Amino acid sequence: MEAVLAIIFIFGSIPAIIIALSYFRNRCLERTALIAANKEADLFREADQKPKHYLTMKYGMLLVGLALGVLMGALIEAHTFLNEATAYFPMVLAFGGLSLVLFYVLFKDKMNAA
């Protein structure tokens, strides 16, 4: 099992590294071309950029929802005749989704105002 995970990690990380390097290389080339043409590199910045502090709250709520899903999956597995995959997978998805819906309900007015 560890050998399979190592192979997946190796073949998964190589394309990720190539994509990241090509992204930063092209970004640098685009900015260099803009500077050579005497244009501002402010084109890469959004004019009315929304604050990113809501993103932290969103991911925090998602992780708490996933943890509650794992907890509920363990409780369902212990107290019913369902097997492990049937207990954990739907609960993790349900509580993760509920946490994202709750985030949207709580912060939709604040995100639109910012």
PDB file of N, CA and C in Angstrom:
ATOM      1  N   MET A   1       0.821  -1.195   0.000  1.00  0.00           N
ATOM      2  CA  MET A   1       0.000   0.000   0.000  1.00  0.00           C
ATOM      3  C   MET A   1       0.864   1.257   0.000  1.00  0.00           C
ATOM      4  N   GLU A   2       1.962   1.241   0.772  1.00  0.00           N
ATOM      5  CA  GLU A   2       2.828   2.405   0.811  1.00  0.00           C
ATOM      6  C   GLU A   2       3.504   2.639  -0.529  1.00  0.00           C
ATOM      7  N   ALA A   3       3.816   1.557  -1.244  1.00  0.00           N
ATOM      8  CA  ALA A   3       4.455   1.707  -2.546  1.00  0.00           C
ATOM      9  C   ALA A   3       3.507   2.367  -3.543  1.00  0.00           C
ATOM     10  N   VAL A   4       2.241   2.000  -3.486  1.00  0.00           N
ATOM     11  CA  VAL A   4       1.253   2.597  -4.386  1.00  0.00           C
ATOM     12  C   VAL A   4       1.091   4.088  -4.077  1.00  0.00           C
ATOM     13  N   LEU A   5       1.036   4.428  -2.802  1.00  0.00           N
ATOM     14  CA  LEU A   5       0.918   5.833  -2.427  1.00  0.00           C
ATOM     15  C   LEU A   5       2.149   6.630  -2.844  1.00  0.00           C
ATOM     16  N   ALA A   6       3.322   6.034  -2.732  1.00  0.00           N
ATOM     17  CA  ALA A   6       4.549   6.722  -3.142  1.00  0.00           C
ATOM     18  C   ALA A   6       4.549   6.974  -4.642  1.00  0.00           C
ATOM     19  N   ILE A   7       4.096   5.994  -5.427  1.00  0.00           N
ATOM     20  CA  ILE A   7       4.043   6.157  -6.877  1.00  0.00           C
ATOM     21  C   ILE A   7       3.025   7.230  -7.248  1.00  0.00           C
ATOM     22  N   ILE A   8       1.862   7.224  -6.596  1.00  0.00           N
ATOM     23  CA  ILE A   8       0.849   8.248  -6.872  1.00  0.00           C
ATOM     24  C   ILE A   8       1.387   9.624  -6.509  1.00  0.00           C
ATOM     25  N   PHE A   9       2.074   9.743  -5.397  1.00  0.00           N
ATOM     26  CA  PHE A   9       2.637  11.025  -4.973  1.00  0.00           C
ATOM     27  C   PHE A   9       3.676  11.519  -5.969  1.00  0.00           C
ATOM     28  N   ILE A  10       4.543  10.635  -6.427  1.00  0.00           N
ATOM     29  CA  ILE A  10       5.597  11.035  -7.362  1.00  0.00           C
ATOM     30  C   ILE A  10       4.995  11.484  -8.683  1.00  0.00           C
ATOM     31  N   PHE A  11       4.085  10.658  -9.239  1.00  0.00           N
ATOM     32  CA  PHE A  11       3.511  11.017 -10.535  1.00  0.00           C
ATOM     33  C   PHE A  11       2.478  12.139 -10.429  1.00  0.00           C
ATOM     34  N   GLY A  12       2.019  12.435  -9.240  1.00  0.00           N
ATOM     35  CA  GLY A  12       1.128  13.567  -9.052  1.00  0.00           C
ATOM     36  C   GLY A  12       1.882  14.863  -8.815  1.00  0.00           C
ATOM     37  N   SER A  13       3.042  14.767  -8.196  1.00  0.00           N
ATOM     38  CA  SER A  13       3.787  15.983  -7.881  1.00  0.00           C
ATOM     39  C   SER A  13       4.591  16.494  -9.072  1.00  0.00           C
ATOM     40  N   ILE A  14       5.014  15.634  -9.953  1.00  0.00           N
ATOM     41  CA  ILE A  14       5.791  16.080 -11.113  1.00  0.00           C
ATOM     42  C   ILE A  14       4.966  17.008 -12.009  1.00  0.00           C
ATOM     43  N   PRO A  15       3.718  16.653 -12.399  1.00  0.00           N
ATOM     44  CA  PRO A  15       2.930  17.613 -13.195  1.00  0.00           C
ATOM     45  C   PRO A  15       2.612  18.894 -12.428  1.00  0.00           C
ATOM     46  N   ALA A  16       2.418  18.808 -11.132  1.00  0.00           N
ATOM     47  CA  ALA A  16       2.138  20.007 -10.343  1.00  0.00           C
ATOM     48  C   ALA A  16       3.333  20.951 -10.365  1.00  0.00           C
ATOM     49  N   ILE A  17       4.526  20.424 -10.254  1.00  0.00           N
ATOM     50  CA  ILE A  17       5.728  21.251 -10.300  1.00  0.00           C
ATOM     51  C   ILE A  17       5.892  21.881 -11.677  1.00  0.00           C
ATOM     52  N   ILE A  18       5.651  21.110 -12.733  1.00  0.00           N
ATOM     53  CA  ILE A  18       5.781  21.636 -14.091  1.00  0.00           C
ATOM     54  C   ILE A  18       4.772  22.745 -14.338  1.00  0.00           C
ATOM     55  N   ILE A  19       3.537  22.569 -13.897  1.00  0.00           N
ATOM     56  CA  ILE A  19       2.505  23.588 -14.085  1.00  0.00           C
ATOM     57  C   ILE A  19       2.860  24.853 -13.299  1.00  0.00           C
ATOM     58  N   ALA A  20       3.321  24.695 -12.069  1.00  0.00           N
ATOM     59  CA  ALA A  20       3.680  25.860 -11.258  1.00  0.00           C
ATOM     60  C   ALA A  20       4.844  26.618 -11.880  1.00  0.00           C
ATOM     61  N   LEU A  21       5.859  25.912 -12.346  1.00  0.00           N
ATOM     62  CA  LEU A  21       7.007  26.583 -12.955  1.00  0.00           C
ATOM     63  C   LEU A  21       6.618  27.300 -14.244  1.00  0.00           C
ATOM     64  N   SER A  22       5.788  26.682 -15.061  1.00  0.00           N
ATOM     65  CA  SER A  22       5.378  27.340 -16.303  1.00  0.00           C
ATOM     66  C   SER A  22       4.501  28.553 -16.020  1.00  0.00           C
ATOM     67  N   TYR A  23       3.669  28.489 -14.972  1.00  0.00           N
ATOM     68  CA  TYR A  23       2.836  29.633 -14.600  1.00  0.00           C
ATOM     69  C   TYR A  23       3.706  30.830 -14.211  1.00  0.00           C
ATOM     70  N   PHE A  24       4.674  30.614 -13.340  1.00  0.00           N
ATOM     71  CA  PHE A  24       5.519  31.723 -12.894  1.00  0.00           C
ATOM     72  C   PHE A  24       6.437  32.221 -14.004  1.00  0.00           C
ATOM     73  N   ARG A  25       6.871  31.332 -14.891  1.00  0.00           N
ATOM     74  CA  ARG A  25       7.713  31.750 -16.006  1.00  0.00           C
ATOM     75  C   ARG A  25       6.913  32.635 -16.964  1.00  0.00           C
ATOM     76  N   ASN A  26       5.701  32.215 -17.306  1.00  0.00           N
ATOM     77  CA  ASN A  26       4.874  33.014 -18.212  1.00  0.00           C
ATOM     78  C   ASN A  26       4.467  34.342 -17.581  1.00  0.00           C
ATOM     79  N   ARG A  27       4.213  34.326 -16.299  1.00  0.00           N
ATOM     80  CA  ARG A  27       3.866  35.563 -15.600  1.00  0.00           C
ATOM     81  C   ARG A  27       5.023  36.560 -15.670  1.00  0.00           C
ATOM     82  N   CYS A  28       6.211  36.064 -15.472  1.00  0.00           N
ATOM     83  CA  CYS A  28       7.391  36.927 -15.540  1.00  0.00           C
ATOM     84  C   CYS A  28       7.582  37.451 -16.963  1.00  0.00           C
ATOM     85  N   LEU A  29       7.383  36.599 -17.974  1.00  0.00           N
ATOM     86  CA  LEU A  29       7.527  37.035 -19.362  1.00  0.00           C
ATOM     87  C   LEU A  29       6.486  38.090 -19.732  1.00  0.00           C
ATOM     88  N   GLU A  30       5.259  37.925 -19.271  1.00  0.00           N
ATOM     89  CA  GLU A  30       4.214  38.909 -19.556  1.00  0.00           C
ATOM     90  C   GLU A  30       4.535  40.258 -18.923  1.00  0.00           C
ATOM     91  N   ARG A  31       4.986  40.231 -17.710  1.00  0.00           N
ATOM     92  CA  ARG A  31       5.330  41.488 -17.035  1.00  0.00           C
ATOM     93  C   ARG A  31       6.531  42.152 -17.695  1.00  0.00           C
ATOM     94  N   THR A  32       7.490  41.366 -18.118  1.00  0.00           N
ATOM     95  CA  THR A  32       8.653  41.915 -18.806  1.00  0.00           C
ATOM     96  C   THR A  32       8.243  42.551 -20.129  1.00  0.00           C
ATOM     97  N   ALA A  33       7.318  41.912 -20.843  1.00  0.00           N
ATOM     98  CA  ALA A  33       6.841  42.468 -22.114  1.00  0.00           C
ATOM     99  C   ALA A  33       6.078  43.770 -21.876  1.00  0.00           C
ATOM    100  N   LEU A  34       5.313  43.851 -20.807  1.00  0.00           N
ATOM    101  CA  LEU A  34       4.607  45.087 -20.489  1.00  0.00           C
ATOM    102  C   LEU A  34       5.578  46.218 -20.171  1.00  0.00           C
ATOM    103  N   ILE A  35       6.615  45.907 -19.417  1.00  0.00           N
ATOM    104  CA  ILE A  35       7.608  46.924 -19.067  1.00  0.00           C
ATOM    105  C   ILE A  35       8.349  47.381 -20.323  1.00  0.00           C
ATOM    106  N   ALA A  36       8.644  46.438 -21.229  1.00  0.00           N
ATOM    107  CA  ALA A  36       9.344  46.797 -22.468  1.00  0.00           C
ATOM    108  C   ALA A  36       8.471  47.688 -23.354  1.00  0.00           C
ATOM    109  N   ALA A  37       7.152  47.518 -23.272  1.00  0.00           N
ATOM    110  CA  ALA A  37       6.236  48.327 -24.083  1.00  0.00           C
ATOM    111  C   ALA A  37       5.826  49.611 -23.365  1.00  0.00           C
ATOM    112  N   ASN A  38       6.477  49.926 -22.254  1.00  0.00           N
ATOM    113  CA  ASN A  38       6.186  51.119 -21.447  1.00  0.00           C
ATOM    114  C   ASN A  38       4.739  51.167 -20.965  1.00  0.00           C
ATOM    115  N   LYS A  39       4.222  50.017 -20.566  1.00  0.00           N
ATOM    116  CA  LYS A  39       2.873  49.948 -19.999  1.00  0.00           C
ATOM    117  C   LYS A  39       2.988  49.554 -18.533  1.00  0.00           C
ATOM    118  N   GLU A  40       1.943  49.848 -17.795  1.00  0.00           N
ATOM    119  CA  GLU A  40       1.917  49.517 -16.376  1.00  0.00           C
ATOM    120  C   GLU A  40       1.541  48.052 -16.183  1.00  0.00           C
ATOM    121  N   ALA A  41       2.096  47.444 -15.151  1.00  0.00           N
ATOM    122  CA  ALA A  41       1.771  46.061 -14.824  1.00  0.00           C
ATOM    123  C   ALA A  41       0.569  45.969 -13.905  1.00  0.00           C
ATOM    124  N   ASP A  42      -0.165  47.073 -13.767  1.00  0.00           N
ATOM    125  CA  ASP A  42      -1.353  47.072 -12.920  1.00  0.00           C
ATOM    126  C   ASP A  42      -2.518  46.327 -13.559  1.00  0.00           C
ATOM    127  N   LEU A  43      -2.359  45.879 -14.773  1.00  0.00           N
ATOM    128  CA  LEU A  43      -3.424  45.117 -15.427  1.00  0.00           C
ATOM    129  C   LEU A  43      -3.714  43.815 -14.701  1.00  0.00           C
ATOM    130  N   PHE A  44      -2.741  43.309 -13.956  1.00  0.00           N
ATOM    131  CA  PHE A  44      -2.910  42.043 -13.255  1.00  0.00           C
ATOM    132  C   PHE A  44      -3.679  42.198 -11.958  1.00  0.00           C
ATOM    133  N   ARG A  45      -3.853  43.424 -11.515  1.00  0.00           N
ATOM    134  CA  ARG A  45      -4.612  43.667 -10.288  1.00  0.00           C
ATOM    135  C   ARG A  45      -6.040  44.026 -10.649  1.00  0.00           C
ATOM    136  N   GLU A  46      -6.973  43.505  -9.873  1.00  0.00           N
ATOM    137  CA  GLU A  46      -8.369  43.854 -10.094  1.00  0.00           C
ATOM    138  C   GLU A  46      -8.638  45.239  -9.527  1.00  0.00           C
ATOM    139  N   ALA A  47      -9.523  45.982 -10.178  1.00  0.00           N
ATOM    140  CA  ALA A  47      -9.788  47.356  -9.762  1.00  0.00           C
ATOM    141  C   ALA A  47     -10.447  47.386  -8.384  1.00  0.00           C
ATOM    142  N   ASP A  48     -11.496  46.649  -8.228  1.00  0.00           N
ATOM    143  CA  ASP A  48     -12.173  46.621  -6.924  1.00  0.00           C
ATOM    144  C   ASP A  48     -12.036  45.216  -6.349  1.00  0.00           C
ATOM    145  N   GLN A  49     -10.867  44.953  -5.824  1.00  0.00           N
ATOM    146  CA  GLN A  49     -10.559  43.638  -5.286  1.00  0.00           C
ATOM    147  C   GLN A  49     -11.246  43.455  -3.936  1.00  0.00           C
ATOM    148  N   LYS A  50     -11.993  42.376  -3.801  1.00  0.00           N
ATOM    149  CA  LYS A  50     -12.716  42.120  -2.565  1.00  0.00           C
ATOM    150  C   LYS A  50     -11.742  41.605  -1.498  1.00  0.00           C
ATOM    151  N   PRO A  51     -12.048  41.862  -0.240  1.00  0.00           N
ATOM    152  CA  PRO A  51     -11.145  41.399   0.814  1.00  0.00           C
ATOM    153  C   PRO A  51     -11.108  39.874   0.885  1.00  0.00           C
ATOM    154  N   LYS A  52      -9.963  39.345   1.255  1.00  0.00           N
ATOM    155  CA  LYS A  52      -9.769  37.904   1.292  1.00  0.00           C
ATOM    156  C   LYS A  52      -9.972  37.314   2.681  1.00  0.00           C
ATOM    157  N   HIS A  53     -10.322  38.138   3.682  1.00  0.00           N
ATOM    158  CA  HIS A  53     -10.454  37.595   5.018  1.00  0.00           C
ATOM    159  C   HIS A  53     -11.683  36.705   5.141  1.00  0.00           C
ATOM    160  N   TYR A  54     -12.642  36.824   4.238  1.00  0.00           N
ATOM    161  CA  TYR A  54     -13.786  35.909   4.257  1.00  0.00           C
ATOM    162  C   TYR A  54     -13.377  34.515   3.790  1.00  0.00           C
ATOM    163  N   LEU A  55     -12.350  34.446   2.979  1.00  0.00           N
ATOM    164  CA  LEU A  55     -11.879  33.155   2.493  1.00  0.00           C
ATOM    165  C   LEU A  55     -11.369  32.285   3.638  1.00  0.00           C
ATOM    166  N   THR A  56     -10.709  32.903   4.602  1.00  0.00           N
ATOM    167  CA  THR A  56     -10.230  32.168   5.766  1.00  0.00           C
ATOM    168  C   THR A  56     -11.397  31.608   6.566  1.00  0.00           C
ATOM    169  N   MET A  57     -12.417  32.415   6.750  1.00  0.00           N
ATOM    170  CA  MET A  57     -13.601  31.956   7.476  1.00  0.00           C
ATOM    171  C   MET A  57     -14.302  30.833   6.718  1.00  0.00           C
ATOM    172  N   LYS A  58     -14.334  30.933   5.405  1.00  0.00           N
ATOM    173  CA  LYS A  58     -14.977  29.908   4.583  1.00  0.00           C
ATOM    174  C   LYS A  58     -14.263  28.569   4.741  1.00  0.00           C
ATOM    175  N   TYR A  59     -12.944  28.585   4.628  1.00  0.00           N
ATOM    176  CA  TYR A  59     -12.195  27.338   4.763  1.00  0.00           C
ATOM    177  C   TYR A  59     -12.238  26.801   6.191  1.00  0.00           C
ATOM    178  N   GLY A  60     -12.260  27.686   7.164  1.00  0.00           N
ATOM    179  CA  GLY A  60     -12.383  27.250   8.550  1.00  0.00           C
ATOM    180  C   GLY A  60     -13.709  26.559   8.798  1.00  0.00           C
ATOM    181  N   MET A  61     -14.788  27.159   8.280  1.00  0.00           N
ATOM    182  CA  MET A  61     -16.109  26.539   8.444  1.00  0.00           C
ATOM    183  C   MET A  61     -16.185  25.211   7.691  1.00  0.00           C
ATOM    184  N   LEU A  62     -15.548  25.132   6.528  1.00  0.00           N
ATOM    185  CA  LEU A  62     -15.535  23.885   5.772  1.00  0.00           C
ATOM    186  C   LEU A  62     -14.824  22.786   6.545  1.00  0.00           C
ATOM    187  N   LEU A  63     -13.682  23.101   7.126  1.00  0.00           N
ATOM    188  CA  LEU A  63     -12.930  22.095   7.875  1.00  0.00           C
ATOM    189  C   LEU A  63     -13.678  21.652   9.133  1.00  0.00           C
ATOM    190  N   VAL A  64     -14.357  22.584   9.801  1.00  0.00           N
ATOM    191  CA  VAL A  64     -15.166  22.210  10.961  1.00  0.00           C
ATOM    192  C   VAL A  64     -16.318  21.310  10.512  1.00  0.00           C
ATOM    193  N   GLY A  65     -16.938  21.638   9.388  1.00  0.00           N
ATOM    194  CA  GLY A  65     -18.007  20.794   8.860  1.00  0.00           C
ATOM    195  C   GLY A  65     -17.519  19.403   8.499  1.00  0.00           C
ATOM    196  N   LEU A  66     -16.337  19.316   7.911  1.00  0.00           N
ATOM    197  CA  LEU A  66     -15.774  18.002   7.586  1.00  0.00           C
ATOM    198  C   LEU A  66     -15.481  17.204   8.850  1.00  0.00           C
ATOM    199  N   ALA A  67     -14.968  17.871   9.868  1.00  0.00           N
ATOM    200  CA  ALA A  67     -14.686  17.189  11.136  1.00  0.00           C
ATOM    201  C   ALA A  67     -15.977  16.689  11.774  1.00  0.00           C
ATOM    202  N   LEU A  68     -17.030  17.513  11.736  1.00  0.00           N
ATOM    203  CA  LEU A  68     -18.318  17.056  12.261  1.00  0.00           C
ATOM    204  C   LEU A  68     -18.866  15.888  11.449  1.00  0.00           C
ATOM    205  N   GLY A  69     -18.624  15.897  10.146  1.00  0.00           N
ATOM    206  CA  GLY A  69     -19.033  14.778   9.307  1.00  0.00           C
ATOM    207  C   GLY A  69     -18.316  13.494   9.664  1.00  0.00           C
ATOM    208  N   VAL A  70     -17.026  13.591   9.940  1.00  0.00           N
ATOM    209  CA  VAL A  70     -16.265  12.403  10.368  1.00  0.00           C
ATOM    210  C   VAL A  70     -16.794  11.899  11.710  1.00  0.00           C
ATOM    211  N   LEU A  71     -17.068  12.821  12.613  1.00  0.00           N
ATOM    212  CA  LEU A  71     -17.606  12.451  13.919  1.00  0.00           C
ATOM    213  C   LEU A  71     -18.964  11.764  13.781  1.00  0.00           C
ATOM    214  N   MET A  72     -19.848  12.333  12.975  1.00  0.00           N
ATOM    215  CA  MET A  72     -21.168  11.726  12.779  1.00  0.00           C
ATOM    216  C   MET A  72     -21.058  10.385  12.062  1.00  0.00           C
ATOM    217  N   GLY A  73     -20.112  10.280  11.137  1.00  0.00           N
ATOM    218  CA  GLY A  73     -19.883   9.001  10.468  1.00  0.00           C
ATOM    219  C   GLY A  73     -19.437   7.930  11.445  1.00  0.00           C
ATOM    220  N   ALA A  74     -18.578   8.303  12.380  1.00  0.00           N
ATOM    221  CA  ALA A  74     -18.132   7.339  13.397  1.00  0.00           C
ATOM    222  C   ALA A  74     -19.287   6.922  14.291  1.00  0.00           C
ATOM    223  N   LEU A  75     -20.139   7.881  14.651  1.00  0.00           N
ATOM    224  CA  LEU A  75     -21.300   7.540  15.484  1.00  0.00           C
ATOM    225  C   LEU A  75     -22.268   6.629  14.738  1.00  0.00           C
ATOM    226  N   ILE A  76     -22.503   6.905  13.475  1.00  0.00           N
ATOM    227  CA  ILE A  76     -23.415   6.066  12.691  1.00  0.00           C
ATOM    228  C   ILE A  76     -22.832   4.680  12.508  1.00  0.00           C
ATOM    229  N   GLU A  77     -21.540   4.599  12.265  1.00  0.00           N
ATOM    230  CA  GLU A  77     -20.909   3.286  12.097  1.00  0.00           C
ATOM    231  C   GLU A  77     -20.978   2.470  13.383  1.00  0.00           C
ATOM    232  N   ALA A  78     -20.809   3.126  14.521  1.00  0.00           N
ATOM    233  CA  ALA A  78     -20.802   2.420  15.797  1.00  0.00           C
ATOM    234  C   ALA A  78     -22.200   1.952  16.211  1.00  0.00           C
ATOM    235  N   HIS A  79     -23.222   2.712  15.856  1.00  0.00           N
ATOM    236  CA  HIS A  79     -24.556   2.414  16.364  1.00  0.00           C
ATOM    237  C   HIS A  79     -25.503   1.811  15.342  1.00  0.00           C
ATOM    238  N   THR A  80     -25.049   1.587  14.127  1.00  0.00           N
ATOM    239  CA  THR A  80     -25.889   0.942  13.117  1.00  0.00           C
ATOM    240  C   THR A  80     -25.107  -0.195  12.488  1.00  0.00           C
ATOM    241  N   PHE A  81     -25.737  -0.860  11.537  1.00  0.00           N
ATOM    242  CA  PHE A  81     -25.085  -1.971  10.855  1.00  0.00           C
ATOM    243  C   PHE A  81     -24.455  -1.553   9.535  1.00  0.00           C
ATOM    244  N   LEU A  82     -24.323  -0.254   9.321  1.00  0.00           N
ATOM    245  CA  LEU A  82     -23.708   0.231   8.090  1.00  0.00           C
ATOM    246  C   LEU A  82     -22.201   0.030   8.137  1.00  0.00           C
ATOM    247  N   ASN A  83     -21.622  -0.241   6.959  1.00  0.00           N
ATOM    248  CA  ASN A  83     -20.167  -0.394   6.938  1.00  0.00           C
ATOM    249  C   ASN A  83     -19.494   0.984   6.956  1.00  0.00           C
ATOM    250  N   GLU A  84     -18.186   1.001   6.975  1.00  0.00           N
ATOM    251  CA  GLU A  84     -17.432   2.235   7.184  1.00  0.00           C
ATOM    252  C   GLU A  84     -17.641   3.253   6.062  1.00  0.00           C
ATOM    253  N   ALA A  85     -17.547   2.811   4.812  1.00  0.00           N
ATOM    254  CA  ALA A  85     -17.668   3.743   3.687  1.00  0.00           C
ATOM    255  C   ALA A  85     -19.072   4.333   3.605  1.00  0.00           C
ATOM    256  N   THR A  86     -20.068   3.538   3.902  1.00  0.00           N
ATOM    257  CA  THR A  86     -21.448   4.016   3.838  1.00  0.00           C
ATOM    258  C   THR A  86     -21.747   4.995   4.958  1.00  0.00           C
ATOM    259  N   ALA A  87     -21.054   4.903   6.051  1.00  0.00           N
ATOM    260  CA  ALA A  87     -21.291   5.807   7.172  1.00  0.00           C
ATOM    261  C   ALA A  87     -20.509   7.114   7.023  1.00  0.00           C
ATOM    262  N   TYR A  88     -19.244   7.034   6.654  1.00  0.00           N
ATOM    263  CA  TYR A  88     -18.392   8.222   6.649  1.00  0.00           C
ATOM    264  C   TYR A  88     -18.616   9.132   5.443  1.00  0.00           C
ATOM    265  N   PHE A  89     -18.620   8.560   4.253  1.00  0.00           N
ATOM    266  CA  PHE A  89     -18.613   9.365   3.034  1.00  0.00           C
ATOM    267  C   PHE A  89     -19.811  10.312   2.931  1.00  0.00           C
ATOM    268  N   PRO A  90     -21.040   9.845   3.113  1.00  0.00           N
ATOM    269  CA  PRO A  90     -22.165  10.794   3.017  1.00  0.00           C
ATOM    270  C   PRO A  90     -22.167  11.843   4.127  1.00  0.00           C
ATOM    271  N   MET A  91     -21.745  11.472   5.315  1.00  0.00           N
ATOM    272  CA  MET A  91     -21.747  12.437   6.415  1.00  0.00           C
ATOM    273  C   MET A  91     -20.711  13.534   6.188  1.00  0.00           C
ATOM    274  N   VAL A  92     -19.544  13.168   5.694  1.00  0.00           N
ATOM    275  CA  VAL A  92     -18.508  14.165   5.421  1.00  0.00           C
ATOM    276  C   VAL A  92     -18.990  15.121   4.335  1.00  0.00           C
ATOM    277  N   LEU A  93     -19.585  14.581   3.280  1.00  0.00           N
ATOM    278  CA  LEU A  93     -20.086  15.443   2.213  1.00  0.00           C
ATOM    279  C   LEU A  93     -21.238  16.320   2.685  1.00  0.00           C
ATOM    280  N   ALA A  94     -22.153  15.741   3.450  1.00  0.00           N
ATOM    281  CA  ALA A  94     -23.320  16.497   3.916  1.00  0.00           C
ATOM    282  C   ALA A  94     -22.912  17.627   4.851  1.00  0.00           C
ATOM    283  N   PHE A  95     -22.082  17.341   5.835  1.00  0.00           N
ATOM    284  CA  PHE A  95     -21.688  18.384   6.777  1.00  0.00           C
ATOM    285  C   PHE A  95     -20.741  19.405   6.145  1.00  0.00           C
ATOM    286  N   GLY A  96     -19.892  18.976   5.219  1.00  0.00           N
ATOM    287  CA  GLY A  96     -19.059  19.938   4.492  1.00  0.00           C
ATOM    288  C   GLY A  96     -19.907  20.872   3.653  1.00  0.00           C
ATOM    289  N   GLY A  97     -20.900  20.331   2.963  1.00  0.00           N
ATOM    290  CA  GLY A  97     -21.802  21.155   2.171  1.00  0.00           C
ATOM    291  C   GLY A  97     -22.646  22.071   3.028  1.00  0.00           C
ATOM    292  N   LEU A  98     -23.137  21.562   4.152  1.00  0.00           N
ATOM    293  CA  LEU A  98     -23.930  22.403   5.053  1.00  0.00           C
ATOM    294  C   LEU A  98     -23.111  23.564   5.611  1.00  0.00           C
ATOM    295  N   SER A  99     -21.842  23.323   5.882  1.00  0.00           N
ATOM    296  CA  SER A  99     -21.015  24.413   6.392  1.00  0.00           C
ATOM    297  C   SER A  99     -20.812  25.495   5.335  1.00  0.00           C
ATOM    298  N   LEU A 100     -20.683  25.103   4.061  1.00  0.00           N
ATOM    299  CA  LEU A 100     -20.540  26.102   3.003  1.00  0.00           C
ATOM    300  C   LEU A 100     -21.836  26.875   2.783  1.00  0.00           C
ATOM    301  N   VAL A 101     -22.979  26.187   2.882  1.00  0.00           N
ATOM    302  CA  VAL A 101     -24.265  26.880   2.772  1.00  0.00           C
ATOM    303  C   VAL A 101     -24.434  27.848   3.938  1.00  0.00           C
ATOM    304  N   LEU A 102     -24.069  27.418   5.129  1.00  0.00           N
ATOM    305  CA  LEU A 102     -24.156  28.286   6.300  1.00  0.00           C
ATOM    306  C   LEU A 102     -23.253  29.511   6.137  1.00  0.00           C
ATOM    307  N   PHE A 103     -22.061  29.319   5.602  1.00  0.00           N
ATOM    308  CA  PHE A 103     -21.170  30.451   5.341  1.00  0.00           C
ATOM    309  C   PHE A 103     -21.827  31.431   4.383  1.00  0.00           C
ATOM    310  N   TYR A 104     -22.422  30.907   3.316  1.00  0.00           N
ATOM    311  CA  TYR A 104     -23.053  31.794   2.344  1.00  0.00           C
ATOM    312  C   TYR A 104     -24.206  32.566   2.972  1.00  0.00           C
ATOM    313  N   VAL A 105     -25.015  31.897   3.789  1.00  0.00           N
ATOM    314  CA  VAL A 105     -26.154  32.566   4.424  1.00  0.00           C
ATOM    315  C   VAL A 105     -25.676  33.638   5.391  1.00  0.00           C
ATOM    316  N   LEU A 106     -24.640  33.362   6.150  1.00  0.00           N
ATOM    317  CA  LEU A 106     -24.166  34.312   7.148  1.00  0.00           C
ATOM    318  C   LEU A 106     -23.438  35.514   6.541  1.00  0.00           C
ATOM    319  N   PHE A 107     -22.718  35.307   5.452  1.00  0.00           N
ATOM    320  CA  PHE A 107     -21.820  36.347   4.969  1.00  0.00           C
ATOM    321  C   PHE A 107     -22.178  36.914   3.601  1.00  0.00           C
ATOM    322  N   LYS A 108     -23.331  36.575   3.024  1.00  0.00           N
ATOM    323  CA  LYS A 108     -23.627  37.068   1.683  1.00  0.00           C
ATOM    324  C   LYS A 108     -23.799  38.584   1.653  1.00  0.00           C
ATOM    325  N   ASP A 109     -24.426  39.152   2.671  1.00  0.00           N
ATOM    326  CA  ASP A 109     -24.598  40.599   2.704  1.00  0.00           C
ATOM    327  C   ASP A 109     -23.276  41.317   2.907  1.00  0.00           C
ATOM    328  N   LYS A 110     -22.442  40.774   3.759  1.00  0.00           N
ATOM    329  CA  LYS A 110     -21.150  41.414   4.041  1.00  0.00           C
ATOM    330  C   LYS A 110     -20.201  41.329   2.836  1.00  0.00           C
ATOM    331  N   MET A 111     -20.245  40.213   2.112  1.00  0.00           N
ATOM    332  CA  MET A 111     -19.361  40.077   0.950  1.00  0.00           C
ATOM    333  C   MET A 111     -19.803  40.996  -0.181  1.00  0.00           C
ATOM    334  N   ASN A 112     -21.099  41.178  -0.370  1.00  0.00           N
ATOM    335  CA  ASN A 112     -21.579  42.061  -1.434  1.00  0.00           C
ATOM    336  C   ASN A 112     -21.319  43.530  -1.102  1.00  0.00           C
ATOM    337  N   ALA A 113     -21.315  43.877   0.175  1.00  0.00           N
ATOM    338  CA  ALA A 113     -21.095  45.263   0.585  1.00  0.00           C
ATOM    339  C   ALA A 113     -19.614  45.654   0.474  1.00  0.00           C
ATOM    340  N   ALA A 114     -18.724  44.684   0.642  1.00  0.00           N
ATOM    341  CA  ALA A 114     -17.282  44.992   0.636  1.00  0.00           C
ATOM    342  C   ALA A 114     -16.769  45.300  -0.751  1.00  0.00           C
TER     343      ALA A 114
END
